[in-house]
Amino acid sequence: MRNYRIFETIADISYIAGYENHYSGNSRFDIREYISWGKEFERIHAKTNWDELDYMQTIEKFTIEKIRKSIDIVFI
């Protein structure tokens, strides 16, 4: 099931980004960005014990931080 974990991560990131009204104006760019964020999240948390850390809080915090950074880059 390891292969499906990345899909769940990308789906969660995409959902959170949509909920936060994140849209760059280019959906293809956004999708590539969410895939990249998903891969990064999976690398960072490869050994995380999700019984000890809340997955949804962690991915929400990660995604919101990424959105804020992407907005800062656009407006710099």
PDB file of N, CA and C in Angstrom:
ATOM      1  N   MET A   1       0.809  -1.210   0.000  1.00  0.00           N
ATOM      2  CA  MET A   1       0.000   0.000   0.000  1.00  0.00           C
ATOM      3  C   MET A   1       0.850   1.270   0.000  1.00  0.00           C
ATOM      4  N   ARG A   2       2.133   1.157   0.135  1.00  0.00           N
ATOM      5  CA  ARG A   2       3.009   2.319   0.186  1.00  0.00           C
ATOM      6  C   ARG A   2       2.821   3.223  -1.025  1.00  0.00           C
ATOM      7  N   ASN A   3       2.596   2.647  -2.188  1.00  0.00           N
ATOM      8  CA  ASN A   3       2.443   3.430  -3.411  1.00  0.00           C
ATOM      9  C   ASN A   3       1.222   4.338  -3.360  1.00  0.00           C
ATOM     10  N   TYR A   4       0.189   3.959  -2.637  1.00  0.00           N
ATOM     11  CA  TYR A   4      -1.021   4.756  -2.571  1.00  0.00           C
ATOM     12  C   TYR A   4      -0.910   5.902  -1.574  1.00  0.00           C
ATOM     13  N   ARG A   5       0.028   5.832  -0.682  1.00  0.00           N
ATOM     14  CA  ARG A   5       0.179   6.874   0.343  1.00  0.00           C
ATOM     15  C   ARG A   5       0.434   8.234  -0.294  1.00  0.00           C
ATOM     16  N   ILE A   6       1.251   8.290  -1.331  1.00  0.00           N
ATOM     17  CA  ILE A   6       1.543   9.562  -1.987  1.00  0.00           C
ATOM     18  C   ILE A   6       0.283  10.150  -2.608  1.00  0.00           C
ATOM     19  N   PHE A   7      -0.592   9.299  -3.136  1.00  0.00           N
ATOM     20  CA  PHE A   7      -1.840   9.792  -3.721  1.00  0.00           C
ATOM     21  C   PHE A   7      -2.731  10.426  -2.649  1.00  0.00           C
ATOM     22  N   GLU A   8      -2.797   9.777  -1.502  1.00  0.00           N
ATOM     23  CA  GLU A   8      -3.589  10.323  -0.396  1.00  0.00           C
ATOM     24  C   GLU A   8      -3.005  11.656   0.064  1.00  0.00           C
ATOM     25  N   THR A   9      -1.694  11.717   0.149  1.00  0.00           N
ATOM     26  CA  THR A   9      -1.028  12.954   0.568  1.00  0.00           C
ATOM     27  C   THR A   9      -1.320  14.080  -0.415  1.00  0.00           C
ATOM     28  N   ILE A  10      -1.186  13.812  -1.703  1.00  0.00           N
ATOM     29  CA  ILE A  10      -1.450  14.841  -2.719  1.00  0.00           C
ATOM     30  C   ILE A  10      -2.923  15.246  -2.698  1.00  0.00           C
ATOM     31  N   ALA A  11      -3.814  14.286  -2.522  1.00  0.00           N
ATOM     32  CA  ALA A  11      -5.244  14.597  -2.439  1.00  0.00           C
ATOM     33  C   ALA A  11      -5.524  15.491  -1.237  1.00  0.00           C
ATOM     34  N   ASP A  12      -4.929  15.179  -0.092  1.00  0.00           N
ATOM     35  CA  ASP A  12      -5.131  16.000   1.109  1.00  0.00           C
ATOM     36  C   ASP A  12      -4.586  17.411   0.903  1.00  0.00           C
ATOM     37  N   ILE A  13      -3.395  17.522   0.327  1.00  0.00           N
ATOM     38  CA  ILE A  13      -2.801  18.835   0.052  1.00  0.00           C
ATOM     39  C   ILE A  13      -3.696  19.624  -0.900  1.00  0.00           C
ATOM     40  N   SER A  14      -4.187  18.988  -1.943  1.00  0.00           N
ATOM     41  CA  SER A  14      -5.048  19.653  -2.912  1.00  0.00           C
ATOM     42  C   SER A  14      -6.342  20.120  -2.260  1.00  0.00           C
ATOM     43  N   TYR A  15      -6.915  19.279  -1.416  1.00  0.00           N
ATOM     44  CA  TYR A  15      -8.157  19.645  -0.717  1.00  0.00           C
ATOM     45  C   TYR A  15      -7.925  20.860   0.180  1.00  0.00           C
ATOM     46  N   ILE A  16      -6.858  20.809   0.968  1.00  0.00           N
ATOM     47  CA  ILE A  16      -6.549  21.914   1.878  1.00  0.00           C
ATOM     48  C   ILE A  16      -6.289  23.190   1.086  1.00  0.00           C
ATOM     49  N   ALA A  17      -5.531  23.087   0.013  1.00  0.00           N
ATOM     50  CA  ALA A  17      -5.239  24.262  -0.820  1.00  0.00           C
ATOM     51  C   ALA A  17      -6.535  24.844  -1.390  1.00  0.00           C
ATOM     52  N   GLY A  18      -7.425  23.996  -1.850  1.00  0.00           N
ATOM     53  CA  GLY A  18      -8.711  24.473  -2.356  1.00  0.00           C
ATOM     54  C   GLY A  18      -9.533  25.138  -1.277  1.00  0.00           C
ATOM     55  N   TYR A  19      -9.547  24.533  -0.111  1.00  0.00           N
ATOM     56  CA  TYR A  19     -10.278  25.101   1.027  1.00  0.00           C
ATOM     57  C   TYR A  19      -9.734  26.484   1.382  1.00  0.00           C
ATOM     58  N   GLU A  20      -8.427  26.641   1.232  1.00  0.00           N
ATOM     59  CA  GLU A  20      -7.763  27.918   1.532  1.00  0.00           C
ATOM     60  C   GLU A  20      -7.804  28.886   0.341  1.00  0.00           C
ATOM     61  N   ASN A  21      -8.540  28.514  -0.718  1.00  0.00           N
ATOM     62  CA  ASN A  21      -8.672  29.339  -1.928  1.00  0.00           C
ATOM     63  C   ASN A  21      -7.340  29.625  -2.608  1.00  0.00           C
ATOM     64  N   HIS A  22      -6.451  28.660  -2.556  1.00  0.00           N
ATOM     65  CA  HIS A  22      -5.147  28.830  -3.215  1.00  0.00           C
ATOM     66  C   HIS A  22      -5.297  28.540  -4.699  1.00  0.00           C
ATOM     67  N   TYR A  23      -5.023  29.527  -5.515  1.00  0.00           N
ATOM     68  CA  TYR A  23      -5.050  29.368  -6.965  1.00  0.00           C
ATOM     69  C   TYR A  23      -4.116  30.408  -7.561  1.00  0.00           C
ATOM     70  N   SER A  24      -3.129  29.946  -8.286  1.00  0.00           N
ATOM     71  CA  SER A  24      -2.121  30.840  -8.857  1.00  0.00           C
ATOM     72  C   SER A  24      -2.603  31.508 -10.142  1.00  0.00           C
ATOM     73  N   GLY A  25      -3.680  30.975 -10.711  1.00  0.00           N
ATOM     74  CA  GLY A  25      -4.123  31.433 -12.012  1.00  0.00           C
ATOM     75  C   GLY A  25      -3.761  30.445 -13.103  1.00  0.00           C
ATOM     76  N   ASN A  26      -2.981  29.421 -12.731  1.00  0.00           N
ATOM     77  CA  ASN A  26      -2.545  28.392 -13.673  1.00  0.00           C
ATOM     78  C   ASN A  26      -2.700  27.036 -12.993  1.00  0.00           C
ATOM     79  N   SER A  27      -3.772  26.338 -13.323  1.00  0.00           N
ATOM     80  CA  SER A  27      -4.068  25.071 -12.638  1.00  0.00           C
ATOM     81  C   SER A  27      -2.994  24.015 -12.863  1.00  0.00           C
ATOM     82  N   ARG A  28      -2.373  23.992 -14.032  1.00  0.00           N
ATOM     83  CA  ARG A  28      -1.303  23.020 -14.299  1.00  0.00           C
ATOM     84  C   ARG A  28      -0.119  23.276 -13.372  1.00  0.00           C
ATOM     85  N   PHE A  29       0.223  24.539 -13.171  1.00  0.00           N
ATOM     86  CA  PHE A  29       1.299  24.901 -12.250  1.00  0.00           C
ATOM     87  C   PHE A  29       0.937  24.466 -10.828  1.00  0.00           C
ATOM     88  N   ASP A  30      -0.291  24.747 -10.431  1.00  0.00           N
ATOM     89  CA  ASP A  30      -0.728  24.385  -9.077  1.00  0.00           C
ATOM     90  C   ASP A  30      -0.640  22.880  -8.857  1.00  0.00           C
ATOM     91  N   ILE A  31      -1.090  22.101  -9.821  1.00  0.00           N
ATOM     92  CA  ILE A  31      -1.047  20.644  -9.685  1.00  0.00           C
ATOM     93  C   ILE A  31       0.395  20.159  -9.547  1.00  0.00           C
ATOM     94  N   ARG A  32       1.290  20.685 -10.398  1.00  0.00           N
ATOM     95  CA  ARG A  32       2.711  20.301 -10.273  1.00  0.00           C
ATOM     96  C   ARG A  32       3.251  20.678  -8.899  1.00  0.00           C
ATOM     97  N   GLU A  33       2.834  21.831  -8.401  1.00  0.00           N
ATOM     98  CA  GLU A  33       3.288  22.279  -7.088  1.00  0.00           C
ATOM     99  C   GLU A  33       2.772  21.348  -5.992  1.00  0.00           C
ATOM    100  N   TYR A  34       1.507  20.960  -6.049  1.00  0.00           N
ATOM    101  CA  TYR A  34       0.945  20.062  -5.032  1.00  0.00           C
ATOM    102  C   TYR A  34       1.622  18.693  -5.063  1.00  0.00           C
ATOM    103  N   ILE A  35       1.952  18.213  -6.244  1.00  0.00           N
ATOM    104  CA  ILE A  35       2.675  16.941  -6.356  1.00  0.00           C
ATOM    105  C   ILE A  35       4.050  17.073  -5.711  1.00  0.00           C
ATOM    106  N   SER A  36       4.725  18.168  -5.981  1.00  0.00           N
ATOM    107  CA  SER A  36       6.037  18.422  -5.384  1.00  0.00           C
ATOM    108  C   SER A  36       5.932  18.499  -3.867  1.00  0.00           C
ATOM    109  N   TRP A  37       4.943  19.222  -3.383  1.00  0.00           N
ATOM    110  CA  TRP A  37       4.735  19.329  -1.934  1.00  0.00           C
ATOM    111  C   TRP A  37       4.451  17.961  -1.331  1.00  0.00           C
ATOM    112  N   GLY A  38       3.656  17.148  -2.021  1.00  0.00           N
ATOM    113  CA  GLY A  38       3.343  15.805  -1.529  1.00  0.00           C
ATOM    114  C   GLY A  38       4.590  14.946  -1.403  1.00  0.00           C
ATOM    115  N   LYS A  39       5.445  15.010  -2.410  1.00  0.00           N
ATOM    116  CA  LYS A  39       6.702  14.248  -2.351  1.00  0.00           C
ATOM    117  C   LYS A  39       7.579  14.735  -1.205  1.00  0.00           C
ATOM    118  N   GLU A  40       7.653  16.049  -1.036  1.00  0.00           N
ATOM    119  CA  GLU A  40       8.450  16.601   0.061  1.00  0.00           C
ATOM    120  C   GLU A  40       7.896  16.163   1.413  1.00  0.00           C
ATOM    121  N   PHE A  41       6.577  16.238   1.572  1.00  0.00           N
ATOM    122  CA  PHE A  41       5.937  15.820   2.825  1.00  0.00           C
ATOM    123  C   PHE A  41       6.255  14.361   3.120  1.00  0.00           C
ATOM    124  N   GLU A  42       6.160  13.507   2.108  1.00  0.00           N
ATOM    125  CA  GLU A  42       6.450  12.091   2.298  1.00  0.00           C
ATOM    126  C   GLU A  42       7.918  11.855   2.668  1.00  0.00           C
ATOM    127  N   ARG A  43       8.834  12.623   2.068  1.00  0.00           N
ATOM    128  CA  ARG A  43      10.259  12.493   2.435  1.00  0.00           C
ATOM    129  C   ARG A  43      10.468  12.904   3.889  1.00  0.00           C
ATOM    130  N   ILE A  44       9.899  14.037   4.271  1.00  0.00           N
ATOM    131  CA  ILE A  44      10.069  14.534   5.634  1.00  0.00           C
ATOM    132  C   ILE A  44       9.507  13.546   6.645  1.00  0.00           C
ATOM    133  N   HIS A  45       8.387  12.929   6.316  1.00  0.00           N
ATOM    134  CA  HIS A  45       7.672  12.084   7.286  1.00  0.00           C
ATOM    135  C   HIS A  45       7.779  10.589   6.982  1.00  0.00           C
ATOM    136  N   ALA A  46       8.819  10.203   6.279  1.00  0.00           N
ATOM    137  CA  ALA A  46       8.990   8.791   5.917  1.00  0.00           C
ATOM    138  C   ALA A  46       8.995   7.875   7.135  1.00  0.00           C
ATOM    139  N   LYS A  47       9.525   8.359   8.241  1.00  0.00           N
ATOM    140  CA  LYS A  47       9.632   7.509   9.435  1.00  0.00           C
ATOM    141  C   LYS A  47       8.722   7.989  10.574  1.00  0.00           C
ATOM    142  N   THR A  48       7.814   8.878  10.254  1.00  0.00           N
ATOM    143  CA  THR A  48       6.906   9.396  11.280  1.00  0.00           C
ATOM    144  C   THR A  48       5.941   8.310  11.726  1.00  0.00           C
ATOM    145  N   ASN A  49       5.757   8.211  13.010  1.00  0.00           N
ATOM    146  CA  ASN A  49       4.778   7.290  13.586  1.00  0.00           C
ATOM    147  C   ASN A  49       3.470   8.068  13.740  1.00  0.00           C
ATOM    148  N   TRP A  50       2.510   7.795  12.854  1.00  0.00           N
ATOM    149  CA  TRP A  50       1.259   8.560  12.860  1.00  0.00           C
ATOM    150  C   TRP A  50       0.361   8.182  14.026  1.00  0.00           C
ATOM    151  N   ASP A  51       0.732   7.192  14.808  1.00  0.00           N
ATOM    152  CA  ASP A  51       0.008   6.911  16.050  1.00  0.00           C
ATOM    153  C   ASP A  51       0.410   7.895  17.139  1.00  0.00           C
ATOM    154  N   GLU A  52       1.570   8.544  16.953  1.00  0.00           N
ATOM    155  CA  GLU A  52       2.070   9.503  17.934  1.00  0.00           C
ATOM    156  C   GLU A  52       1.868  10.957  17.509  1.00  0.00           C
ATOM    157  N   LEU A  53       1.626  11.182  16.227  1.00  0.00           N
ATOM    158  CA  LEU A  53       1.481  12.534  15.687  1.00  0.00           C
ATOM    159  C   LEU A  53       0.222  12.570  14.838  1.00  0.00           C
ATOM    160  N   ASP A  54      -0.569  13.628  14.975  1.00  0.00           N
ATOM    161  CA  ASP A  54      -1.817  13.746  14.228  1.00  0.00           C
ATOM    162  C   ASP A  54      -1.534  14.096  12.764  1.00  0.00           C
ATOM    163  N   TYR A  55      -1.874  13.173  11.871  1.00  0.00           N
ATOM    164  CA  TYR A  55      -1.599  13.342  10.451  1.00  0.00           C
ATOM    165  C   TYR A  55      -2.294  14.574   9.880  1.00  0.00           C
ATOM    166  N   MET A  56      -3.586  14.729  10.142  1.00  0.00           N
ATOM    167  CA  MET A  56      -4.335  15.827   9.533  1.00  0.00           C
ATOM    168  C   MET A  56      -3.823  17.193  10.002  1.00  0.00           C
ATOM    169  N   GLN A  57      -3.520  17.332  11.267  1.00  0.00           N
ATOM    170  CA  GLN A  57      -2.962  18.606  11.747  1.00  0.00           C
ATOM    171  C   GLN A  57      -1.603  18.872  11.109  1.00  0.00           C
ATOM    172  N   THR A  58      -0.813  17.835  10.980  1.00  0.00           N
ATOM    173  CA  THR A  58       0.529  17.977  10.422  1.00  0.00           C
ATOM    174  C   THR A  58       0.487  18.362   8.948  1.00  0.00           C
ATOM    175  N   ILE A  59      -0.345  17.705   8.162  1.00  0.00           N
ATOM    176  CA  ILE A  59      -0.397  18.019   6.731  1.00  0.00           C
ATOM    177  C   ILE A  59      -1.067  19.368   6.494  1.00  0.00           C
ATOM    178  N   GLU A  60      -2.028  19.717   7.335  1.00  0.00           N
ATOM    179  CA  GLU A  60      -2.662  21.032   7.201  1.00  0.00           C
ATOM    180  C   GLU A  60      -1.652  22.145   7.483  1.00  0.00           C
ATOM    181  N   LYS A  61      -0.883  22.000   8.550  1.00  0.00           N
ATOM    182  CA  LYS A  61       0.137  22.996   8.880  1.00  0.00           C
ATOM    183  C   LYS A  61       1.172  23.092   7.755  1.00  0.00           C
ATOM    184  N   PHE A  62       1.639  21.954   7.269  1.00  0.00           N
ATOM    185  CA  PHE A  62       2.617  21.904   6.179  1.00  0.00           C
ATOM    186  C   PHE A  62       2.079  22.633   4.950  1.00  0.00           C
ATOM    187  N   THR A  63       0.848  22.320   4.563  1.00  0.00           N
ATOM    188  CA  THR A  63       0.256  22.901   3.354  1.00  0.00           C
ATOM    189  C   THR A  63       0.059  24.399   3.493  1.00  0.00           C
ATOM    190  N   ILE A  64      -0.432  24.844   4.627  1.00  0.00           N
ATOM    191  CA  ILE A  64      -0.649  26.279   4.830  1.00  0.00           C
ATOM    192  C   ILE A  64       0.679  27.031   4.799  1.00  0.00           C
ATOM    193  N   GLU A  65       1.718  26.441   5.370  1.00  0.00           N
ATOM    194  CA  GLU A  65       3.049  27.067   5.294  1.00  0.00           C
ATOM    195  C   GLU A  65       3.524  27.156   3.846  1.00  0.00           C
ATOM    196  N   LYS A  66       3.303  26.110   3.068  1.00  0.00           N
ATOM    197  CA  LYS A  66       3.699  26.115   1.658  1.00  0.00           C
ATOM    198  C   LYS A  66       2.913  27.171   0.875  1.00  0.00           C
ATOM    199  N   ILE A  67       1.630  27.284   1.145  1.00  0.00           N
ATOM    200  CA  ILE A  67       0.805  28.300   0.476  1.00  0.00           C
ATOM    201  C   ILE A  67       1.326  29.689   0.805  1.00  0.00           C
ATOM    202  N   ARG A  68       1.602  29.933   2.059  1.00  0.00           N
ATOM    203  CA  ARG A  68       2.114  31.258   2.464  1.00  0.00           C
ATOM    204  C   ARG A  68       3.437  31.567   1.763  1.00  0.00           C
ATOM    205  N   LYS A  69       4.322  30.583   1.688  1.00  0.00           N
ATOM    206  CA  LYS A  69       5.604  30.790   1.005  1.00  0.00           C
ATOM    207  C   LYS A  69       5.390  31.049  -0.478  1.00  0.00           C
ATOM    208  N   SER A  70       4.460  30.336  -1.097  1.00  0.00           N
ATOM    209  CA  SER A  70       4.227  30.528  -2.532  1.00  0.00           C
ATOM    210  C   SER A  70       3.618  31.903  -2.792  1.00  0.00           C
ATOM    211  N   ILE A  71       2.796  32.386  -1.894  1.00  0.00           N
ATOM    212  CA  ILE A  71       2.229  33.724  -2.046  1.00  0.00           C
ATOM    213  C   ILE A  71       3.316  34.768  -1.877  1.00  0.00           C
ATOM    214  N   ASP A  72       4.197  34.560  -0.912  1.00  0.00           N
ATOM    215  CA  ASP A  72       5.318  35.502  -0.703  1.00  0.00           C
ATOM    216  C   ASP A  72       6.201  35.581  -1.940  1.00  0.00           C
ATOM    217  N   ILE A  73       6.438  34.444  -2.586  1.00  0.00           N
ATOM    218  CA  ILE A  73       7.277  34.419  -3.783  1.00  0.00           C
ATOM    219  C   ILE A  73       6.614  35.196  -4.918  1.00  0.00           C
ATOM    220  N   VAL A  74       5.320  35.056  -5.064  1.00  0.00           N
ATOM    221  CA  VAL A  74       4.583  35.739  -6.132  1.00  0.00           C
ATOM    222  C   VAL A  74       4.638  37.254  -5.939  1.00  0.00           C
ATOM    223  N   PHE A  75       4.565  37.702  -4.693  1.00  0.00           N
ATOM    224  CA  PHE A  75       4.479  39.136  -4.423  1.00  0.00           C
ATOM    225  C   PHE A  75       5.813  39.806  -4.158  1.00  0.00           C
ATOM    226  N   ILE A  76       6.897  39.067  -4.244  1.00  0.00           N
ATOM    227  CA  ILE A  76       8.217  39.664  -4.025  1.00  0.00           C
ATOM    228  C   ILE A  76       8.687  40.351  -5.292  1.00  0.00           C
TER     229      ILE A  76
END
